[in-house]
Amino acid sequence: MADLYKNKYRIKSARLESWDYRWNAAYFITICTANMKHYFGKIKNGKMELSPLGAIADILWHGIPNHTSHVELGNYIVMPNHIHGILILNNPELPKEENISKGNIEQEKDDSPGNHPENSVQTLHATSPQYPNSQDHAQDLQDHPQPHPKNPQMAAISPKSNSISTIIRSYKSATTKHARRLGFEFEWQTRFYDIIIRDELAFYNISNYIKNNPAAWKEDKFR
């Protein structure tokens, strides 16, 4: 997977003051199930055995580039209660890294998702507010993406089109919709974790971490 990187997304600073999550970069994403419940299957002999829900999660992640332009997939893995994956944004209409002077990475102190590599640049995001009828709202988000609010303050803090947040929100909503259509109990954790991958070495290390995650399950803090 290192050939996907080719130094195109190298970020000079691990601590940036502001960041637009539509910008071209490679992002290491972790999404967890609600209460860390093992919906997606089990680890057996160092390999992941997907449940029907796990197969849905796997297929829909693989299909992300079919629904969002300018995104490539790096390594990813569906684990019993979480998903690790690399998303690479490469939109030629957006500024390249050398033209970006700021970014909004804030260190998350209390909500670490476990034994992430590159933990020093980890951030935590909410993909959507809570709604009383989450099943209906998940369907609505998938079929009718939310327009930007007219209120300037709300518009400033709302996820932008084709950003990492909207990609993950759409993925989570689609997974929930398909699971419930088939009669499965299922719920995501509200938030997700991301790391902006800073250079080729970090990309290589994280790719290997994802690949080897099932074999290291006994030492995984998610377990």
Protein backbone atom coordinates (compact mmCIF):
# COMPACT_ATOMS: atom_id res chain seq x y z
CA MET A 1 0.00 0.00 0.00
CA ALA A 2 2.96 2.34 0.36
CA ASP A 3 2.91 2.97 -3.40
CA LEU A 4 -0.42 4.77 -2.93
CA TYR A 5 1.30 7.38 -0.82
CA LYS A 6 4.21 8.45 -3.03
CA ASN A 7 4.86 11.44 -0.75
CA LYS A 8 1.82 13.26 -2.18
CA TYR A 9 0.22 13.67 1.22
CA ARG A 10 3.22 14.45 3.39
CA ILE A 11 2.32 16.80 6.23
CA LYS A 12 5.21 18.70 7.78
CA SER A 13 3.68 19.42 11.18
CA ALA A 14 2.05 16.97 13.59
CA ARG A 15 0.43 19.85 15.48
CA LEU A 16 -1.53 22.23 13.26
CA GLU A 17 -3.81 25.05 14.32
CA SER A 18 -6.64 24.33 11.88
CA TRP A 19 -7.46 21.67 9.35
CA ASP A 20 -10.09 21.24 6.65
CA TYR A 21 -11.00 17.55 6.42
CA ARG A 22 -11.65 17.89 2.68
CA TRP A 23 -7.95 18.55 2.08
CA ASN A 24 -5.82 16.02 0.24
CA ALA A 25 -4.20 13.68 2.73
CA ALA A 26 -4.23 10.09 3.94
CA TYR A 27 -6.41 9.58 7.03
CA PHE A 28 -6.32 6.64 9.43
CA ILE A 29 -9.89 6.05 10.60
CA THR A 30 -11.22 3.97 13.49
CA ILE A 31 -14.96 3.43 14.01
CA CYS A 32 -16.27 1.46 17.00
CA THR A 33 -19.55 -0.27 17.71
CA ALA A 34 -21.74 0.98 20.56
CA ASN A 35 -20.49 -0.34 23.91
CA MET A 36 -17.73 -2.15 21.98
CA LYS A 37 -20.12 -5.02 21.27
CA HIS A 38 -18.79 -7.79 19.02
CA TYR A 39 -21.26 -7.46 16.16
CA PHE A 40 -18.85 -8.14 13.32
CA GLY A 41 -17.55 -11.63 14.07
CA LYS A 42 -14.67 -13.20 15.96
CA ILE A 43 -10.95 -13.80 15.77
CA LYS A 44 -10.01 -17.45 15.29
CA ASN A 45 -6.42 -18.65 14.92
CA GLY A 46 -5.26 -15.09 14.30
CA LYS A 47 -7.74 -14.43 11.50
CA MET A 48 -10.99 -12.51 11.38
CA GLU A 49 -14.14 -14.55 10.75
CA LEU A 50 -16.89 -12.17 9.64
CA SER A 51 -20.46 -12.48 10.86
CA PRO A 52 -23.25 -11.47 8.46
CA LEU A 53 -23.05 -7.96 9.96
CA GLY A 54 -19.29 -8.00 9.52
CA ALA A 55 -19.71 -8.93 5.86
CA ILE A 56 -22.06 -5.95 5.40
CA ALA A 57 -19.55 -3.62 7.05
CA ASP A 58 -16.74 -5.00 4.88
CA ILE A 59 -18.64 -4.71 1.58
CA LEU A 60 -19.85 -1.19 2.28
CA TRP A 61 -16.37 0.04 3.24
CA HIS A 62 -14.99 -1.47 0.04
CA GLY A 63 -17.66 0.46 -1.87
CA ILE A 64 -16.85 3.91 -0.44
CA PRO A 65 -15.01 5.05 -3.63
CA ASN A 66 -18.16 4.24 -5.64
CA HIS A 67 -20.10 6.88 -3.70
CA THR A 68 -17.50 9.58 -3.06
CA SER A 69 -15.30 11.14 -5.71
CA HIS A 70 -11.55 11.56 -5.26
CA VAL A 71 -11.18 8.96 -2.49
CA GLU A 72 -8.99 5.85 -2.53
CA LEU A 73 -8.84 3.03 -0.02
CA GLY A 74 -5.67 2.04 1.76
CA ASN A 75 -5.51 -1.02 4.01
CA TYR A 76 -8.60 -1.71 6.10
CA ILE A 77 -9.85 -4.42 8.41
CA VAL A 78 -13.19 -5.23 10.00
CA MET A 79 -12.56 -6.41 13.57
CA PRO A 80 -15.12 -7.87 16.03
CA ASN A 81 -16.11 -4.48 17.44
CA HIS A 82 -14.37 -1.84 15.33
CA ILE A 83 -13.06 -0.97 11.89
CA HIS A 84 -9.62 0.36 11.02
CA GLY A 85 -9.08 1.83 7.56
CA ILE A 86 -7.05 4.33 5.58
CA LEU A 87 -8.91 6.81 3.36
CA ILE A 88 -6.87 8.80 0.85
CA LEU A 89 -8.37 12.04 -0.46
CA ASN A 90 -6.90 13.23 -3.76
CA ASN A 91 -9.03 16.00 -5.25
CA PRO A 92 -7.11 17.92 -7.94
CA GLU A 93 -9.31 20.99 -7.37
CA LEU A 94 -8.22 21.36 -3.74
CA PRO A 95 -4.88 22.84 -2.59
CA LYS A 96 -1.89 20.56 -2.29
CA GLU A 97 -0.05 20.18 1.00
CA GLU A 98 2.62 22.76 0.15
CA ASN A 99 -0.12 25.42 -0.17
CA ILE A 100 -1.74 24.53 3.16
CA SER A 101 -0.51 26.58 6.09
CA LYS A 102 -2.93 25.56 8.85
CA GLY A 103 -4.96 22.64 10.17
CA ASN A 104 -7.22 21.91 13.24
CA ILE A 105 -5.75 18.90 15.03
CA GLU A 106 -6.54 18.90 18.74
CA GLN A 107 -5.13 16.27 21.08
CA GLU A 108 -7.87 14.08 22.59
CA LYS A 109 -6.82 13.29 26.18
CA ASP A 110 -9.46 10.97 27.63
CA ASP A 111 -11.06 9.16 24.70
CA SER A 112 -8.17 7.17 23.27
CA PRO A 113 -9.38 4.27 21.11
CA GLY A 114 -6.63 2.01 22.33
CA ASN A 115 -3.29 1.03 20.90
CA HIS A 116 -3.23 3.26 17.82
CA PRO A 117 0.10 3.87 16.14
CA GLU A 118 0.87 7.56 15.65
CA ASN A 119 -1.27 8.34 18.71
CA SER A 120 0.15 11.86 19.07
CA VAL A 121 -1.97 13.28 16.24
CA GLN A 122 -5.18 11.46 17.03
CA THR A 123 -8.46 13.39 17.01
CA LEU A 124 -12.02 12.48 17.89
CA HIS A 125 -15.05 13.53 15.86
CA ALA A 126 -18.81 13.21 16.11
CA THR A 127 -20.40 12.27 12.80
CA SER A 128 -23.92 13.42 13.64
CA PRO A 129 -26.09 14.58 16.54
CA GLN A 130 -28.27 12.12 18.45
CA TYR A 131 -31.87 11.70 17.29
CA PRO A 132 -34.77 9.99 19.08
CA ASN A 133 -35.51 7.79 16.06
CA SER A 134 -32.01 6.86 14.92
CA GLN A 135 -33.19 4.24 12.43
CA ASP A 136 -35.29 6.73 10.46
CA HIS A 137 -32.56 9.34 10.63
CA ALA A 138 -29.94 6.88 9.37
CA GLN A 139 -32.16 6.15 6.37
CA ASP A 140 -32.66 9.87 5.77
CA LEU A 141 -28.95 10.67 5.92
CA GLN A 142 -28.16 7.99 3.37
CA ASP A 143 -30.90 8.92 0.91
CA HIS A 144 -31.02 12.68 1.49
CA PRO A 145 -27.69 14.21 2.56
CA GLN A 146 -28.13 17.23 4.78
CA PRO A 147 -27.80 20.65 3.09
CA HIS A 148 -25.50 23.24 4.66
CA PRO A 149 -27.35 25.28 7.30
CA LYS A 150 -28.24 28.84 6.37
CA ASN A 151 -27.03 30.09 9.74
CA PRO A 152 -23.37 31.13 9.17
CA GLN A 153 -22.26 29.84 12.58
CA MET A 154 -23.87 26.44 12.03
CA ALA A 155 -22.51 26.30 8.49
CA ALA A 156 -19.00 26.88 9.80
CA ILE A 157 -19.11 23.88 12.17
CA SER A 158 -21.16 21.50 10.00
CA PRO A 159 -19.35 18.74 8.06
CA LYS A 160 -18.57 19.81 4.50
CA SER A 161 -19.44 17.82 1.40
CA ASN A 162 -16.86 15.15 0.52
CA SER A 163 -15.09 15.65 3.84
CA ILE A 164 -13.91 12.76 6.01
CA SER A 165 -16.82 13.40 8.40
CA THR A 166 -19.48 13.17 5.69
CA ILE A 167 -17.86 10.06 4.19
CA ILE A 168 -17.90 8.31 7.57
CA ARG A 169 -21.40 9.52 8.39
CA SER A 170 -22.71 8.12 5.11
CA TYR A 171 -20.88 4.82 5.64
CA LYS A 172 -22.20 4.41 9.19
CA SER A 173 -25.73 5.27 8.10
CA ALA A 174 -25.64 2.78 5.22
CA THR A 175 -24.36 0.01 7.50
CA THR A 176 -27.09 0.70 10.05
CA LYS A 177 -29.78 0.80 7.37
CA HIS A 178 -28.78 -2.54 5.83
CA ALA A 179 -28.37 -4.21 9.23
CA ARG A 180 -31.81 -3.19 10.42
CA ARG A 181 -33.42 -4.02 7.09
CA LEU A 182 -32.20 -7.58 7.62
CA GLY A 183 -33.46 -7.64 11.20
CA PHE A 184 -30.11 -7.41 13.00
CA GLU A 185 -29.63 -5.55 16.25
CA PHE A 186 -26.88 -3.00 15.62
CA GLU A 187 -25.60 0.39 16.75
CA TRP A 188 -22.45 2.42 16.18
CA GLN A 189 -20.57 4.52 18.69
CA THR A 190 -21.52 8.13 17.97
CA ARG A 191 -17.97 9.29 17.34
CA PHE A 192 -15.05 8.13 15.25
CA TYR A 193 -11.29 8.58 15.57
CA ASP A 194 -8.89 9.84 12.93
CA ILE A 195 -5.18 10.34 12.43
CA ILE A 196 -3.82 12.49 9.62
CA ILE A 197 -0.92 10.43 8.29
CA ARG A 198 2.13 12.66 8.16
CA ASP A 199 4.63 10.89 5.92
CA GLU A 200 5.48 7.70 4.06
CA LEU A 201 6.95 5.95 7.10
CA ALA A 202 3.79 6.57 9.12
CA PHE A 203 1.71 5.34 6.18
CA TYR A 204 3.77 2.14 6.03
CA ASN A 205 3.59 1.55 9.82
CA ILE A 206 -0.15 2.14 10.00
CA SER A 207 -0.78 -0.06 6.96
CA ASN A 208 1.12 -2.88 8.66
CA TYR A 209 -0.71 -2.26 11.94
CA ILE A 210 -4.05 -2.67 10.15
CA LYS A 211 -2.91 -5.79 8.30
CA ASN A 212 -1.61 -7.44 11.48
CA ASN A 213 -4.49 -6.39 13.75
CA PRO A 214 -6.24 -9.81 13.84
CA ALA A 215 -3.02 -11.62 14.73
CA ALA A 216 -2.43 -9.16 17.59
CA TRP A 217 -5.99 -9.39 18.94
CA LYS A 218 -4.96 -10.84 22.31
CA GLU A 219 -2.98 -7.67 23.02
CA ASP A 220 -5.54 -5.29 21.52
CA LYS A 221 -7.00 -2.85 24.07
CA PHE A 222 -10.35 -2.96 22.22
CA ARG A 223 -10.69 -6.60 23.27
